[in-house]
Amino acid sequence: LPWVKSLVERVAGVPAAEQRVPGDGHVEHHAETYDDMSLKKDKRWRQTKAAASLDSDIARGTAFSWAVTGMMTVQMLPSALPVFALLGFGLLETL
């Protein structure tokens, strides 16, 4: 949404094209895994920045670390809770 970009630019004081948010390795994980979830281990892959960025990841080769799992759960609550409420589930049943 263009208006969101312009708002962020005004608040941050930095053009949107120059803003970078550090990742948590999730995108790199998808770059490293094949459809069957086996890991790329070839020399060409190992020489990439994405592969090097995963070297210190203790959860390498898994879908997510526990921290990322928690973050994703919290991010889903605003959209998931109303849907489950409409289906008749309470908060404790949803969690």
N, C-alpha and C. Protein backbone atom coordinates (compact mmCIF):
# COMPACT_ATOMS: atom_id res chain seq x y z
N LEU A 1 0.84 -1.18 0.00
CA LEU A 1 0.00 0.00 0.00
C LEU A 1 0.89 1.25 0.00
N PRO A 2 0.73 2.07 -1.00
CA PRO A 2 1.58 3.28 -1.11
C PRO A 2 1.47 4.21 0.09
N TRP A 3 0.26 4.36 0.65
CA TRP A 3 0.10 5.29 1.77
C TRP A 3 0.83 4.79 3.01
N VAL A 4 0.94 3.47 3.17
CA VAL A 4 1.68 2.92 4.31
C VAL A 4 3.17 3.22 4.14
N LYS A 5 3.67 3.04 2.91
CA LYS A 5 5.07 3.35 2.66
C LYS A 5 5.39 4.81 2.95
N SER A 6 4.53 5.70 2.49
CA SER A 6 4.80 7.12 2.72
C SER A 6 4.71 7.47 4.20
N LEU A 7 3.79 6.84 4.92
CA LEU A 7 3.69 7.07 6.36
C LEU A 7 4.96 6.60 7.07
N VAL A 8 5.43 5.41 6.72
CA VAL A 8 6.64 4.87 7.33
C VAL A 8 7.84 5.75 6.99
N GLU A 9 7.91 6.23 5.75
CA GLU A 9 9.00 7.13 5.36
C GLU A 9 8.99 8.39 6.20
N ARG A 10 7.81 8.97 6.42
CA ARG A 10 7.72 10.19 7.21
C ARG A 10 8.10 9.95 8.66
N VAL A 11 7.64 8.86 9.23
CA VAL A 11 7.93 8.56 10.63
C VAL A 11 9.40 8.22 10.82
N ALA A 12 9.94 7.37 9.93
CA ALA A 12 11.33 6.93 10.06
C ALA A 12 12.32 7.96 9.55
N GLY A 13 11.88 8.83 8.63
CA GLY A 13 12.78 9.81 8.06
C GLY A 13 13.76 9.20 7.07
N VAL A 14 13.44 8.02 6.57
CA VAL A 14 14.30 7.31 5.62
C VAL A 14 13.42 6.81 4.48
N PRO A 15 13.88 6.97 3.23
CA PRO A 15 13.08 6.45 2.11
C PRO A 15 12.84 4.95 2.25
N ALA A 16 11.67 4.50 1.83
CA ALA A 16 11.30 3.09 1.97
C ALA A 16 12.30 2.16 1.31
N ALA A 17 12.86 2.56 0.18
CA ALA A 17 13.82 1.71 -0.53
C ALA A 17 15.08 1.46 0.27
N GLU A 18 15.38 2.35 1.22
CA GLU A 18 16.60 2.22 2.03
C GLU A 18 16.36 1.54 3.37
N GLN A 19 15.10 1.28 3.69
CA GLN A 19 14.78 0.66 4.97
C GLN A 19 14.94 -0.85 4.87
N ARG A 20 15.63 -1.41 5.82
CA ARG A 20 15.83 -2.86 5.85
C ARG A 20 15.49 -3.36 7.25
N VAL A 21 14.70 -4.41 7.29
CA VAL A 21 14.36 -5.04 8.56
C VAL A 21 15.13 -6.36 8.60
N PRO A 22 15.94 -6.57 9.63
CA PRO A 22 16.69 -7.82 9.69
C PRO A 22 15.75 -9.02 9.79
N GLY A 23 16.11 -10.08 9.11
CA GLY A 23 15.28 -11.28 9.13
C GLY A 23 15.63 -12.21 10.27
N ASP A 24 14.87 -13.27 10.36
CA ASP A 24 15.10 -14.26 11.41
C ASP A 24 15.57 -15.58 10.85
N GLY A 25 15.87 -15.61 9.55
CA GLY A 25 16.37 -16.83 8.93
C GLY A 25 15.31 -17.65 8.24
N HIS A 26 14.05 -17.26 8.37
CA HIS A 26 12.97 -18.04 7.78
C HIS A 26 13.06 -18.07 6.25
N VAL A 27 13.31 -16.92 5.64
CA VAL A 27 13.41 -16.87 4.18
C VAL A 27 14.61 -17.69 3.72
N GLU A 28 15.72 -17.57 4.45
CA GLU A 28 16.91 -18.33 4.11
C GLU A 28 16.65 -19.83 4.26
N HIS A 29 15.86 -20.19 5.25
CA HIS A 29 15.50 -21.60 5.45
C HIS A 29 14.82 -22.15 4.20
N HIS A 30 13.90 -21.36 3.64
CA HIS A 30 13.21 -21.81 2.43
C HIS A 30 14.16 -21.90 1.25
N ALA A 31 15.15 -21.03 1.21
CA ALA A 31 16.14 -21.10 0.14
C ALA A 31 17.01 -22.34 0.28
N GLU A 32 17.20 -22.80 1.51
CA GLU A 32 18.10 -23.91 1.77
C GLU A 32 17.45 -25.29 1.66
N THR A 33 16.13 -25.34 1.74
CA THR A 33 15.48 -26.65 1.77
C THR A 33 14.79 -26.97 0.45
N TYR A 34 14.82 -28.25 0.12
CA TYR A 34 14.08 -28.75 -1.03
C TYR A 34 12.65 -29.06 -0.60
N ASP A 35 11.79 -29.41 -1.55
CA ASP A 35 10.39 -29.69 -1.23
C ASP A 35 10.23 -30.81 -0.21
N ASP A 36 11.16 -31.76 -0.20
CA ASP A 36 11.06 -32.87 0.76
C ASP A 36 11.73 -32.53 2.10
N MET A 37 12.09 -31.27 2.28
CA MET A 37 12.72 -30.72 3.49
C MET A 37 14.16 -31.17 3.70
N SER A 38 14.75 -31.82 2.71
CA SER A 38 16.18 -32.12 2.81
C SER A 38 16.95 -30.83 2.53
N LEU A 39 18.17 -30.75 3.05
CA LEU A 39 18.96 -29.52 2.96
C LEU A 39 19.92 -29.54 1.79
N LYS A 40 20.09 -28.37 1.18
CA LYS A 40 21.12 -28.22 0.15
C LYS A 40 22.48 -28.28 0.83
N LYS A 41 23.40 -29.02 0.27
CA LYS A 41 24.73 -29.13 0.87
C LYS A 41 25.83 -28.94 -0.17
N ASP A 42 25.44 -28.55 -1.38
CA ASP A 42 26.43 -28.42 -2.44
C ASP A 42 27.33 -27.20 -2.23
N LYS A 43 28.48 -27.22 -2.86
CA LYS A 43 29.48 -26.18 -2.70
C LYS A 43 28.95 -24.81 -3.13
N ARG A 44 28.21 -24.78 -4.22
CA ARG A 44 27.68 -23.50 -4.71
C ARG A 44 26.76 -22.86 -3.68
N TRP A 45 25.86 -23.65 -3.08
CA TRP A 45 24.96 -23.11 -2.05
C TRP A 45 25.75 -22.64 -0.84
N ARG A 46 26.71 -23.43 -0.40
CA ARG A 46 27.47 -23.10 0.81
C ARG A 46 28.24 -21.80 0.67
N GLN A 47 28.48 -21.34 -0.55
CA GLN A 47 29.23 -20.10 -0.76
C GLN A 47 28.34 -18.85 -0.78
N THR A 48 27.04 -19.02 -0.61
CA THR A 48 26.13 -17.88 -0.64
C THR A 48 26.03 -17.20 0.73
N LYS A 49 25.64 -15.93 0.72
CA LYS A 49 25.44 -15.19 1.97
C LYS A 49 24.32 -15.83 2.80
N ALA A 50 23.27 -16.31 2.12
CA ALA A 50 22.15 -16.92 2.83
C ALA A 50 22.60 -18.16 3.60
N ALA A 51 23.42 -18.99 2.98
CA ALA A 51 23.91 -20.19 3.66
C ALA A 51 24.79 -19.81 4.85
N ALA A 52 25.65 -18.83 4.65
CA ALA A 52 26.53 -18.40 5.75
C ALA A 52 25.72 -17.81 6.91
N SER A 53 24.62 -17.14 6.60
CA SER A 53 23.82 -16.52 7.67
C SER A 53 23.14 -17.57 8.54
N LEU A 54 23.00 -18.79 8.05
CA LEU A 54 22.36 -19.85 8.83
C LEU A 54 23.35 -20.67 9.65
N ASP A 55 24.63 -20.43 9.48
CA ASP A 55 25.64 -21.24 10.15
C ASP A 55 25.52 -21.20 11.68
N SER A 56 25.08 -20.08 12.22
CA SER A 56 24.98 -19.98 13.68
C SER A 56 23.58 -20.33 14.20
N ASP A 57 22.69 -20.73 13.32
CA ASP A 57 21.31 -21.04 13.71
C ASP A 57 21.23 -22.44 14.32
N ILE A 58 20.92 -22.50 15.63
CA ILE A 58 20.84 -23.81 16.30
C ILE A 58 19.66 -24.62 15.81
N ALA A 59 18.67 -23.95 15.19
CA ALA A 59 17.48 -24.64 14.69
C ALA A 59 17.60 -24.91 13.18
N ARG A 60 18.80 -24.83 12.65
CA ARG A 60 19.00 -25.01 11.21
C ARG A 60 18.44 -26.36 10.76
N GLY A 61 17.70 -26.32 9.67
CA GLY A 61 17.12 -27.54 9.13
C GLY A 61 15.73 -27.83 9.65
N THR A 62 15.29 -27.07 10.66
CA THR A 62 13.92 -27.23 11.15
C THR A 62 13.07 -26.11 10.56
N ALA A 63 11.79 -26.20 10.71
CA ALA A 63 10.92 -25.18 10.15
C ALA A 63 11.15 -23.83 10.83
N PHE A 64 11.16 -23.81 12.16
CA PHE A 64 11.30 -22.56 12.90
C PHE A 64 12.00 -22.81 14.23
N SER A 65 12.60 -21.76 14.74
CA SER A 65 13.09 -21.83 16.12
C SER A 65 11.89 -21.57 17.03
N TRP A 66 12.05 -21.82 18.31
CA TRP A 66 10.95 -21.58 19.25
C TRP A 66 10.59 -20.11 19.29
N ALA A 67 11.58 -19.23 19.19
CA ALA A 67 11.31 -17.78 19.22
C ALA A 67 10.45 -17.38 18.03
N VAL A 68 10.75 -17.90 16.86
CA VAL A 68 9.97 -17.58 15.67
C VAL A 68 8.57 -18.18 15.77
N THR A 69 8.46 -19.37 16.32
CA THR A 69 7.15 -19.99 16.51
C THR A 69 6.28 -19.11 17.40
N GLY A 70 6.85 -18.62 18.49
CA GLY A 70 6.10 -17.73 19.39
C GLY A 70 5.69 -16.44 18.71
N MET A 71 6.62 -15.85 17.96
CA MET A 71 6.33 -14.60 17.27
C MET A 71 5.21 -14.80 16.25
N MET A 72 5.26 -15.88 15.50
CA MET A 72 4.23 -16.14 14.50
C MET A 72 2.87 -16.40 15.15
N THR A 73 2.88 -17.06 16.29
CA THR A 73 1.63 -17.32 17.01
C THR A 73 0.98 -16.00 17.43
N VAL A 74 1.78 -15.11 17.99
CA VAL A 74 1.26 -13.81 18.43
C VAL A 74 0.76 -13.00 17.23
N GLN A 75 1.49 -13.07 16.11
CA GLN A 75 1.08 -12.33 14.91
C GLN A 75 -0.25 -12.83 14.35
N MET A 76 -0.55 -14.11 14.54
CA MET A 76 -1.78 -14.68 14.01
C MET A 76 -3.00 -14.40 14.88
N LEU A 77 -2.78 -14.07 16.14
CA LEU A 77 -3.92 -13.89 17.06
C LEU A 77 -4.94 -12.85 16.59
N PRO A 78 -4.53 -11.66 16.10
CA PRO A 78 -5.55 -10.67 15.70
C PRO A 78 -6.47 -11.16 14.58
N SER A 79 -5.98 -12.03 13.72
CA SER A 79 -6.86 -12.53 12.66
C SER A 79 -7.55 -13.83 13.04
N ALA A 80 -6.90 -14.64 13.86
CA ALA A 80 -7.46 -15.96 14.19
C ALA A 80 -8.53 -15.89 15.28
N LEU A 81 -8.32 -15.07 16.30
CA LEU A 81 -9.26 -15.05 17.42
C LEU A 81 -10.68 -14.66 17.01
N PRO A 82 -10.87 -13.63 16.19
CA PRO A 82 -12.25 -13.30 15.79
C PRO A 82 -12.92 -14.42 14.99
N VAL A 83 -12.16 -15.08 14.15
CA VAL A 83 -12.73 -16.18 13.35
C VAL A 83 -13.17 -17.32 14.27
N PHE A 84 -12.31 -17.70 15.19
CA PHE A 84 -12.67 -18.77 16.11
C PHE A 84 -13.83 -18.36 17.02
N ALA A 85 -13.89 -17.08 17.40
CA ALA A 85 -15.02 -16.60 18.21
C ALA A 85 -16.33 -16.73 17.44
N LEU A 86 -16.29 -16.39 16.15
CA LEU A 86 -17.49 -16.53 15.32
C LEU A 86 -17.91 -17.99 15.17
N LEU A 87 -16.95 -18.89 15.28
CA LEU A 87 -17.25 -20.32 15.19
C LEU A 87 -17.68 -20.90 16.54
N GLY A 88 -17.69 -20.06 17.58
CA GLY A 88 -18.18 -20.50 18.87
C GLY A 88 -17.11 -20.96 19.85
N PHE A 89 -15.84 -20.75 19.52
CA PHE A 89 -14.77 -21.14 20.42
C PHE A 89 -14.38 -19.97 21.32
N GLY A 90 -14.06 -20.28 22.57
CA GLY A 90 -13.59 -19.28 23.50
C GLY A 90 -12.08 -19.09 23.38
N LEU A 91 -11.55 -18.14 24.12
CA LEU A 91 -10.14 -17.82 24.05
C LEU A 91 -9.26 -19.02 24.44
N LEU A 92 -9.56 -19.67 25.55
CA LEU A 92 -8.75 -20.79 26.00
C LEU A 92 -8.82 -21.97 25.04
N GLU A 93 -9.98 -22.18 24.43
CA GLU A 93 -10.12 -23.27 23.46
C GLU A 93 -9.32 -22.97 22.19
N THR A 94 -9.20 -21.71 21.85
CA THR A 94 -8.48 -21.32 20.64
C THR A 94 -6.97 -21.49 20.85
N LEU A 95 -6.49 -21.13 22.02
CA LEU A 95 -5.06 -21.22 22.28
C LEU A 95 -4.68 -22.65 22.52
